[in-house]
Amino acid sequence: MNITFFQNRLIILIIVFVLFFVGCAKDNVPSDMPSLQPCTIIVTLDGKPLTNASIHCQPNDNGKWYGSGITNDSGIAKILTLSRYPGLVTGDYFVSVIKRIPDPNWTPKPEEGHPTISVINEKFSDETTSPLKCTVTTGKNQFQLEVTTP
């Protein structure tokens, strides 16, 4: 009977300990980060949702509060600042989109890795050549972007 009493106390102590550390583990937003505005980007490839594509939003002023996200099955990416905090700082952004797959024409060679090819036109993959842009304002922001095949 004493073993059960101590086991119950131990279980309660462990639960309290875990809850304490879970509560203390919340991310602290950097003190100099401006307020973030909710932002989603919908990407289509030749009119169809582009899934599993990487989205990168670089501030036009080369500021440090860049954003990124990955598109879901509907082509929608929720953008996170510093890949961690939901939303973007207000302002203008250059947007790049990257989607690569293994090269289906690759002939295996032991000394080489498995090469990939871009599913979209490479101009969209680099913020210096991508024509994609967005302007984030106060409130909810949703942008529809179209990319094309190579």
Protein backbone atom coordinates (compact mmCIF):
# COMPACT_ATOMS: atom_id res chain seq x y z
CA MET A 1 0.00 0.00 0.00
CA ASN A 2 2.87 2.40 0.71
CA ILE A 3 4.29 1.74 -2.76
CA THR A 4 1.02 2.82 -4.40
CA PHE A 5 0.91 5.97 -2.27
CA PHE A 6 4.45 6.91 -3.32
CA GLN A 7 3.80 5.99 -6.96
CA ASN A 8 0.77 8.29 -7.03
CA ARG A 9 2.79 11.13 -5.49
CA LEU A 10 5.59 10.55 -7.98
CA ILE A 11 3.18 10.63 -10.93
CA ILE A 12 1.61 13.88 -9.67
CA LEU A 13 5.06 15.40 -9.14
CA ILE A 14 6.14 14.44 -12.68
CA ILE A 15 2.95 15.92 -14.20
CA VAL A 16 3.43 19.21 -12.29
CA PHE A 17 7.09 19.31 -13.34
CA VAL A 18 6.26 18.74 -17.04
CA LEU A 19 3.46 21.34 -17.04
CA PHE A 20 5.77 23.87 -15.45
CA PHE A 21 8.44 23.43 -18.12
CA VAL A 22 5.93 23.39 -20.99
CA GLY A 23 4.54 26.71 -19.75
CA CYS A 24 8.02 28.21 -19.50
CA ALA A 25 9.09 27.02 -22.95
CA LYS A 26 7.08 29.59 -24.93
CA ASP A 27 9.07 31.43 -27.58
CA ASN A 28 10.09 34.90 -26.61
CA VAL A 29 9.69 37.33 -29.50
CA PRO A 30 12.80 39.47 -30.05
CA SER A 31 12.40 42.79 -28.22
CA ASP A 32 13.12 44.84 -31.36
CA MET A 33 10.67 42.97 -33.60
CA PRO A 34 7.88 45.23 -34.93
CA SER A 35 4.31 43.93 -34.76
CA LEU A 36 3.52 41.21 -37.27
CA GLN A 37 0.51 41.09 -39.58
CA PRO A 38 -1.15 37.79 -40.57
CA CYS A 39 0.01 36.78 -44.05
CA THR A 40 -0.83 33.91 -46.37
CA ILE A 41 0.38 33.42 -49.91
CA ILE A 42 -1.45 31.23 -52.42
CA VAL A 43 0.72 29.94 -55.24
CA THR A 44 -0.54 28.41 -58.46
CA LEU A 45 1.50 26.78 -61.20
CA ASP A 46 -0.12 27.20 -64.59
CA GLY A 47 -3.45 27.74 -62.82
CA LYS A 48 -3.24 24.78 -60.39
CA PRO A 49 -2.22 24.85 -56.69
CA LEU A 50 1.54 24.39 -56.25
CA THR A 51 2.15 22.04 -53.31
CA ASN A 52 5.27 21.69 -51.16
CA ALA A 53 6.93 24.79 -52.55
CA SER A 54 9.20 26.99 -50.45
CA ILE A 55 8.18 30.64 -50.28
CA HIS A 56 10.65 33.33 -49.22
CA CYS A 57 9.71 36.97 -48.60
CA GLN A 58 12.69 39.34 -48.44
CA PRO A 59 12.04 42.94 -47.38
CA ASN A 60 12.82 45.41 -50.19
CA ASP A 61 15.03 47.36 -47.77
CA ASN A 62 17.07 44.19 -47.00
CA GLY A 63 15.81 44.33 -43.43
CA LYS A 64 16.29 41.42 -41.09
CA TRP A 65 12.58 40.54 -40.72
CA TYR A 66 12.31 38.13 -43.67
CA GLY A 67 9.48 35.60 -43.92
CA SER A 68 9.07 32.11 -45.26
CA GLY A 69 6.62 29.24 -45.55
CA ILE A 70 5.78 25.99 -47.34
CA THR A 71 2.67 25.58 -49.48
CA ASN A 72 0.12 22.94 -48.50
CA ASP A 73 -2.05 20.75 -50.76
CA SER A 74 -4.13 23.81 -51.68
CA GLY A 75 -1.06 25.87 -52.61
CA ILE A 76 -1.43 28.02 -49.47
CA ALA A 77 1.54 29.01 -47.31
CA LYS A 78 1.22 30.69 -43.92
CA ILE A 79 4.20 33.00 -43.75
CA LEU A 80 6.39 33.06 -40.65
CA THR A 81 8.90 35.78 -39.82
CA LEU A 82 12.36 34.32 -39.18
CA SER A 83 10.72 30.92 -39.95
CA ARG A 84 9.20 31.04 -36.48
CA TYR A 85 6.75 33.86 -35.76
CA PRO A 86 3.37 34.00 -37.57
CA GLY A 87 2.98 36.94 -39.93
CA LEU A 88 5.14 39.62 -41.53
CA VAL A 89 6.17 43.16 -40.66
CA THR A 90 4.34 45.79 -42.74
CA GLY A 91 6.21 46.79 -45.87
CA ASP A 92 7.21 45.77 -49.38
CA TYR A 93 8.75 42.36 -50.14
CA PHE A 94 10.43 40.54 -52.99
CA VAL A 95 9.00 37.01 -53.15
CA SER A 96 10.76 33.91 -54.44
CA VAL A 97 9.27 30.45 -54.91
CA ILE A 98 11.27 27.23 -55.06
CA LYS A 99 10.04 23.76 -55.95
CA ARG A 100 12.51 21.04 -56.94
CA ILE A 101 12.07 17.32 -57.53
CA PRO A 102 14.53 14.48 -58.21
CA ASP A 103 15.62 14.42 -61.86
CA PRO A 104 13.68 11.54 -63.48
CA ASN A 105 16.34 11.24 -66.22
CA TRP A 106 19.23 10.75 -63.81
CA THR A 107 21.53 7.78 -64.37
CA PRO A 108 22.94 6.63 -61.02
CA LYS A 109 26.64 7.25 -60.52
CA PRO A 110 28.21 6.39 -57.15
CA GLU A 111 30.29 9.58 -57.01
CA GLU A 112 27.32 11.91 -57.54
CA GLY A 113 24.33 12.79 -55.43
CA HIS A 114 20.83 12.61 -56.86
CA PRO A 115 20.37 15.79 -58.94
CA THR A 116 17.14 17.74 -58.88
CA ILE A 117 15.24 19.81 -61.40
CA SER A 118 13.02 22.82 -60.90
CA VAL A 119 9.29 22.32 -61.40
CA ILE A 120 8.89 26.04 -62.01
CA ASN A 121 10.70 28.60 -64.14
CA GLU A 122 14.02 29.34 -62.37
CA LYS A 123 13.42 33.10 -62.52
CA PHE A 124 10.91 32.69 -59.65
CA SER A 125 13.53 30.99 -57.43
CA ASP A 126 15.76 34.03 -56.92
CA GLU A 127 14.56 37.25 -55.32
CA THR A 128 16.77 39.28 -57.70
CA THR A 129 15.06 37.85 -60.80
CA SER A 130 11.60 37.02 -59.51
CA PRO A 131 8.84 39.36 -60.68
CA LEU A 132 6.80 38.39 -57.59
CA LYS A 133 6.20 41.07 -54.98
CA CYS A 134 3.84 41.77 -52.13
CA THR A 135 3.01 44.70 -49.86
CA VAL A 136 1.99 43.81 -46.32
CA THR A 137 -0.37 46.24 -44.59
CA THR A 138 -1.98 46.34 -41.17
CA GLY A 139 -4.59 43.57 -40.83
CA LYS A 140 -4.94 40.27 -42.66
CA ASN A 141 -2.92 39.91 -45.85
CA GLN A 142 -3.50 37.32 -48.55
CA PHE A 143 -1.65 37.26 -51.85
CA GLN A 144 -2.34 35.17 -54.96
CA LEU A 145 0.83 34.51 -56.98
CA GLU A 146 1.14 32.67 -60.29
CA VAL A 147 4.29 30.90 -61.43
CA THR A 148 4.91 29.05 -64.67
CA THR A 149 6.72 25.90 -65.78
CA PRO A 150 10.23 26.13 -67.26
